[in-house]
Amino acid sequence: MSTHRPPQDDQLLDLLYGEVLPEDAEALQALVNTDPVLRERLEAWSSVRRAMATLPEPEPDPQVHYNILRAARQQARPRRRSRAASSPGCRRWWRTPPSPAWA
């Protein structure tokens, strides 16, 4: 007894967009040709694809590009040390070897 599952929508979409191996495409197409429900689902997805192709591709707001570039520049900028770490007294303390009296 065969437990063959019918193709799912993602497999039909892969077939529609040509994203399956040729031998798999032949097998899927054979199933679609023999099953009216699968043929109807594939045709429905095909009509959605055709409708989407007629829509204009929206252009993002130019501000989006500027925001992305600004964020990238901020990330690429070297980080500044805090004031405490860059004050002369703090740096001197780290460079000064410990006194024998501290030991």
N, C-alpha and C. Protein backbone atom coordinates (compact mmCIF):
# COMPACT_ATOMS: atom_id res chain seq x y z
N MET A 1 0.85 -1.18 0.00
CA MET A 1 0.00 0.00 0.00
C MET A 1 0.89 1.25 0.00
N SER A 2 0.61 2.18 -0.85
CA SER A 2 1.42 3.39 -0.98
C SER A 2 0.89 4.48 -0.05
N THR A 3 1.80 5.17 0.60
CA THR A 3 1.42 6.28 1.47
C THR A 3 1.86 7.59 0.82
N HIS A 4 1.70 7.69 -0.48
CA HIS A 4 2.11 8.87 -1.22
C HIS A 4 1.24 10.06 -0.83
N ARG A 5 1.88 11.16 -0.43
CA ARG A 5 1.16 12.39 -0.08
C ARG A 5 1.05 13.27 -1.31
N PRO A 6 -0.08 13.97 -1.45
CA PRO A 6 -0.17 14.91 -2.57
C PRO A 6 0.77 16.09 -2.33
N PRO A 7 1.24 16.71 -3.39
CA PRO A 7 2.14 17.86 -3.23
C PRO A 7 1.49 18.98 -2.42
N GLN A 8 2.28 19.62 -1.62
CA GLN A 8 1.83 20.77 -0.84
C GLN A 8 2.01 22.04 -1.67
N ASP A 9 1.43 23.14 -1.18
CA ASP A 9 1.51 24.40 -1.91
C ASP A 9 2.95 24.84 -2.15
N ASP A 10 3.83 24.62 -1.18
CA ASP A 10 5.21 25.05 -1.39
C ASP A 10 5.86 24.29 -2.54
N GLN A 11 5.49 23.03 -2.70
CA GLN A 11 6.03 22.26 -3.82
C GLN A 11 5.44 22.75 -5.15
N LEU A 12 4.16 23.10 -5.13
CA LEU A 12 3.54 23.64 -6.34
C LEU A 12 4.17 24.98 -6.72
N LEU A 13 4.47 25.80 -5.71
CA LEU A 13 5.12 27.08 -5.98
C LEU A 13 6.53 26.87 -6.53
N ASP A 14 7.24 25.89 -5.97
CA ASP A 14 8.57 25.58 -6.51
C ASP A 14 8.47 25.17 -7.98
N LEU A 15 7.47 24.38 -8.30
CA LEU A 15 7.25 23.98 -9.70
C LEU A 15 6.95 25.20 -10.56
N LEU A 16 6.07 26.05 -10.07
CA LEU A 16 5.67 27.25 -10.81
C LEU A 16 6.86 28.17 -11.09
N TYR A 17 7.74 28.31 -10.12
CA TYR A 17 8.88 29.21 -10.27
C TYR A 17 10.13 28.51 -10.84
N GLY A 18 10.00 27.24 -11.20
CA GLY A 18 11.12 26.53 -11.79
C GLY A 18 12.25 26.25 -10.81
N GLU A 19 11.91 26.02 -9.56
CA GLU A 19 12.92 25.83 -8.53
C GLU A 19 13.02 24.37 -8.08
N VAL A 20 12.67 23.44 -8.96
CA VAL A 20 12.82 22.02 -8.66
C VAL A 20 13.72 21.39 -9.71
N LEU A 21 14.31 20.28 -9.34
CA LEU A 21 15.15 19.56 -10.30
C LEU A 21 14.28 19.07 -11.46
N PRO A 22 14.85 18.97 -12.64
CA PRO A 22 14.06 18.57 -13.81
C PRO A 22 13.28 17.26 -13.62
N GLU A 23 13.91 16.25 -13.01
CA GLU A 23 13.20 14.98 -12.82
C GLU A 23 12.06 15.13 -11.82
N ASP A 24 12.25 15.96 -10.80
CA ASP A 24 11.17 16.21 -9.84
C ASP A 24 10.05 17.03 -10.49
N ALA A 25 10.44 17.96 -11.36
CA ALA A 25 9.45 18.77 -12.05
C ALA A 25 8.58 17.90 -12.94
N GLU A 26 9.19 16.95 -13.61
CA GLU A 26 8.40 16.04 -14.47
C GLU A 26 7.40 15.23 -13.64
N ALA A 27 7.86 14.74 -12.49
CA ALA A 27 6.97 13.94 -11.64
C ALA A 27 5.83 14.79 -11.09
N LEU A 28 6.16 16.00 -10.64
CA LEU A 28 5.12 16.90 -10.12
C LEU A 28 4.13 17.28 -11.23
N GLN A 29 4.65 17.60 -12.39
CA GLN A 29 3.77 17.98 -13.50
C GLN A 29 2.86 16.82 -13.89
N ALA A 30 3.37 15.61 -13.84
CA ALA A 30 2.54 14.44 -14.14
C ALA A 30 1.41 14.31 -13.12
N LEU A 31 1.73 14.55 -11.84
CA LEU A 31 0.68 14.51 -10.81
C LEU A 31 -0.36 15.60 -11.04
N VAL A 32 0.11 16.80 -11.36
CA VAL A 32 -0.81 17.92 -11.60
C VAL A 32 -1.70 17.61 -12.80
N ASN A 33 -1.13 17.02 -13.84
CA ASN A 33 -1.91 16.72 -15.04
C ASN A 33 -3.00 15.68 -14.79
N THR A 34 -2.79 14.80 -13.81
CA THR A 34 -3.78 13.75 -13.55
C THR A 34 -4.74 14.09 -12.43
N ASP A 35 -4.47 15.13 -11.67
CA ASP A 35 -5.33 15.48 -10.53
C ASP A 35 -5.95 16.86 -10.74
N PRO A 36 -7.27 16.92 -10.93
CA PRO A 36 -7.92 18.21 -11.18
C PRO A 36 -7.79 19.19 -10.01
N VAL A 37 -7.74 18.69 -8.78
CA VAL A 37 -7.60 19.59 -7.61
C VAL A 37 -6.22 20.23 -7.62
N LEU A 38 -5.19 19.44 -7.88
CA LEU A 38 -3.84 20.00 -7.96
C LEU A 38 -3.70 20.98 -9.12
N ARG A 39 -4.31 20.62 -10.23
CA ARG A 39 -4.27 21.51 -11.41
C ARG A 39 -4.92 22.85 -11.08
N GLU A 40 -6.04 22.80 -10.35
CA GLU A 40 -6.74 24.04 -9.97
C GLU A 40 -5.89 24.87 -9.01
N ARG A 41 -5.24 24.20 -8.04
CA ARG A 41 -4.37 24.93 -7.10
C ARG A 41 -3.19 25.56 -7.80
N LEU A 42 -2.58 24.82 -8.74
CA LEU A 42 -1.45 25.37 -9.48
C LEU A 42 -1.90 26.54 -10.35
N GLU A 43 -3.06 26.43 -10.96
CA GLU A 43 -3.58 27.54 -11.77
C GLU A 43 -3.89 28.75 -10.90
N ALA A 44 -4.40 28.52 -9.70
CA ALA A 44 -4.67 29.64 -8.78
C ALA A 44 -3.38 30.36 -8.43
N TRP A 45 -2.33 29.59 -8.09
CA TRP A 45 -1.04 30.22 -7.78
C TRP A 45 -0.47 30.93 -9.01
N SER A 46 -0.67 30.36 -10.16
CA SER A 46 -0.19 30.98 -11.39
C SER A 46 -0.90 32.31 -11.66
N SER A 47 -2.20 32.35 -11.39
CA SER A 47 -2.93 33.62 -11.60
C SER A 47 -2.49 34.67 -10.58
N VAL A 48 -2.17 34.25 -9.36
CA VAL A 48 -1.65 35.20 -8.37
C VAL A 48 -0.31 35.75 -8.84
N ARG A 49 0.54 34.87 -9.36
CA ARG A 49 1.84 35.31 -9.86
C ARG A 49 1.70 36.30 -11.01
N ARG A 50 0.78 36.01 -11.92
CA ARG A 50 0.57 36.94 -13.05
C ARG A 50 0.04 38.28 -12.56
N ALA A 51 -0.87 38.25 -11.59
CA ALA A 51 -1.42 39.50 -11.05
C ALA A 51 -0.33 40.31 -10.35
N MET A 52 0.52 39.64 -9.59
CA MET A 52 1.59 40.34 -8.88
C MET A 52 2.60 40.95 -9.85
N ALA A 53 2.80 40.29 -10.98
CA ALA A 53 3.76 40.80 -11.96
C ALA A 53 3.30 42.11 -12.59
N THR A 54 1.99 42.39 -12.56
CA THR A 54 1.49 43.62 -13.16
C THR A 54 1.56 44.80 -12.21
N LEU A 55 1.77 44.53 -10.92
CA LEU A 55 1.84 45.62 -9.94
C LEU A 55 3.17 46.34 -10.03
N PRO A 56 3.16 47.65 -9.83
CA PRO A 56 4.44 48.37 -9.83
C PRO A 56 5.24 48.01 -8.58
N GLU A 57 6.55 47.97 -8.74
CA GLU A 57 7.40 47.68 -7.59
C GLU A 57 7.56 48.97 -6.79
N PRO A 58 7.18 48.95 -5.53
CA PRO A 58 7.24 50.19 -4.74
C PRO A 58 8.68 50.61 -4.46
N GLU A 59 8.90 51.90 -4.49
CA GLU A 59 10.21 52.45 -4.16
C GLU A 59 10.19 52.84 -2.69
N PRO A 60 11.20 52.44 -1.94
CA PRO A 60 11.22 52.83 -0.53
C PRO A 60 11.46 54.33 -0.40
N ASP A 61 11.02 54.86 0.69
CA ASP A 61 11.24 56.27 1.01
C ASP A 61 12.75 56.52 1.06
N PRO A 62 13.26 57.57 0.41
CA PRO A 62 14.70 57.83 0.43
C PRO A 62 15.26 57.96 1.85
N GLN A 63 14.43 58.37 2.78
CA GLN A 63 14.89 58.51 4.16
C GLN A 63 15.35 57.17 4.72
N VAL A 64 14.77 56.08 4.24
CA VAL A 64 15.17 54.75 4.71
C VAL A 64 16.64 54.51 4.37
N HIS A 65 17.05 54.86 3.16
CA HIS A 65 18.46 54.68 2.76
C HIS A 65 19.38 55.52 3.66
N TYR A 66 18.99 56.76 3.92
CA TYR A 66 19.81 57.62 4.77
C TYR A 66 19.91 57.06 6.18
N ASN A 67 18.81 56.55 6.70
CA ASN A 67 18.82 55.98 8.05
C ASN A 67 19.74 54.76 8.12
N ILE A 68 19.70 53.92 7.10
CA ILE A 68 20.57 52.74 7.07
C ILE A 68 22.03 53.16 7.00
N LEU A 69 22.35 54.12 6.13
CA LEU A 69 23.73 54.58 6.01
C LEU A 69 24.22 55.22 7.30
N ARG A 70 23.37 56.02 7.94
CA ARG A 70 23.76 56.67 9.20
C ARG A 70 24.04 55.62 10.27
N ALA A 71 23.17 54.61 10.36
CA ALA A 71 23.38 53.55 11.35
C ALA A 71 24.67 52.79 11.06
N ALA A 72 24.95 52.52 9.79
CA ALA A 72 26.18 51.81 9.42
C ALA A 72 27.41 52.65 9.78
N ARG A 73 27.36 53.94 9.52
CA ARG A 73 28.49 54.80 9.87
C ARG A 73 28.72 54.85 11.37
N GLN A 74 27.63 54.90 12.13
CA GLN A 74 27.77 54.92 13.59
C GLN A 74 28.37 53.62 14.09
N GLN A 75 27.99 52.51 13.49
CA GLN A 75 28.54 51.22 13.90
C GLN A 75 30.02 51.11 13.53
N ALA A 76 30.41 51.72 12.41
CA ALA A 76 31.79 51.62 11.95
C ALA A 76 32.72 52.57 12.69
N ARG A 77 32.18 53.61 13.29
CA ARG A 77 32.98 54.59 14.01
C ARG A 77 33.66 53.94 15.21
N PRO A 78 34.94 54.24 15.45
CA PRO A 78 35.58 53.67 16.65
C PRO A 78 34.93 54.24 17.89
N ARG A 79 34.78 53.39 18.86
CA ARG A 79 34.15 53.84 20.11
C ARG A 79 35.14 54.66 20.91
N ARG A 80 34.62 55.70 21.53
CA ARG A 80 35.44 56.55 22.38
C ARG A 80 35.49 55.96 23.78
N ARG A 81 36.62 56.18 24.42
CA ARG A 81 36.73 55.73 25.80
C ARG A 81 36.00 56.72 26.69
N SER A 82 35.56 56.25 27.81
CA SER A 82 34.84 57.13 28.72
C SER A 82 35.81 58.18 29.27
N ARG A 83 35.28 59.26 29.81
CA ARG A 83 36.12 60.33 30.36
C ARG A 83 36.99 59.83 31.50
N ALA A 84 36.43 59.00 32.35
CA ALA A 84 37.19 58.51 33.50
C ALA A 84 38.39 57.70 33.04
N ALA A 85 38.20 56.89 32.02
CA ALA A 85 39.30 56.06 31.53
C ALA A 85 40.34 56.88 30.79
N SER A 86 39.95 58.04 30.26
CA SER A 86 40.91 58.83 29.50
C SER A 86 41.50 59.98 30.30
N SER A 87 41.11 60.14 31.57
CA SER A 87 41.67 61.23 32.37
C SER A 87 43.11 60.89 32.74
N PRO A 88 43.98 61.91 32.83
CA PRO A 88 45.39 61.64 33.09
C PRO A 88 45.61 60.89 34.40
N GLY A 89 44.86 61.20 35.42
CA GLY A 89 45.05 60.54 36.71
C GLY A 89 44.74 59.06 36.63
N CYS A 90 43.74 58.71 35.91
CA CYS A 90 43.35 57.31 35.79
C CYS A 90 44.40 56.54 35.02
N ARG A 91 44.89 57.10 33.96
CA ARG A 91 45.90 56.41 33.17
C ARG A 91 47.20 56.26 33.96
N ARG A 92 47.54 57.30 34.72
CA ARG A 92 48.75 57.24 35.51
C ARG A 92 48.62 56.13 36.56
N TRP A 93 47.47 56.00 37.16
CA TRP A 93 47.26 54.99 38.19
C TRP A 93 47.49 53.60 37.61
N TRP A 94 47.02 53.37 36.38
CA TRP A 94 47.18 52.04 35.80
C TRP A 94 48.63 51.77 35.40
N ARG A 95 49.37 52.81 35.09
CA ARG A 95 50.76 52.62 34.69
C ARG A 95 51.70 52.52 35.88
N THR A 96 51.31 53.08 37.00
CA THR A 96 52.18 53.11 38.19
C THR A 96 52.25 51.70 38.78
N PRO A 97 53.47 51.17 38.94
CA PRO A 97 53.56 49.84 39.55
C PRO A 97 53.15 49.93 41.03
N PRO A 98 52.60 48.87 41.53
CA PRO A 98 52.18 48.92 42.92
C PRO A 98 53.36 49.14 43.88
N SER A 99 53.08 49.90 44.90
CA SER A 99 54.09 50.19 45.91
C SER A 99 54.27 48.97 46.81
N PRO A 100 55.48 48.74 47.30
CA PRO A 100 55.68 47.61 48.22
C PRO A 100 54.82 47.76 49.48
N ALA A 101 54.46 48.98 49.82
CA ALA A 101 53.64 49.17 51.02
C ALA A 101 52.23 48.63 50.80
N TRP A 102 51.81 48.52 49.53
CA TRP A 102 50.45 47.99 49.24
C TRP A 102 50.40 46.48 49.36
N ALA A 103 51.50 45.85 49.25
CA ALA A 103 51.54 44.40 49.24
C ALA A 103 51.30 43.80 50.60
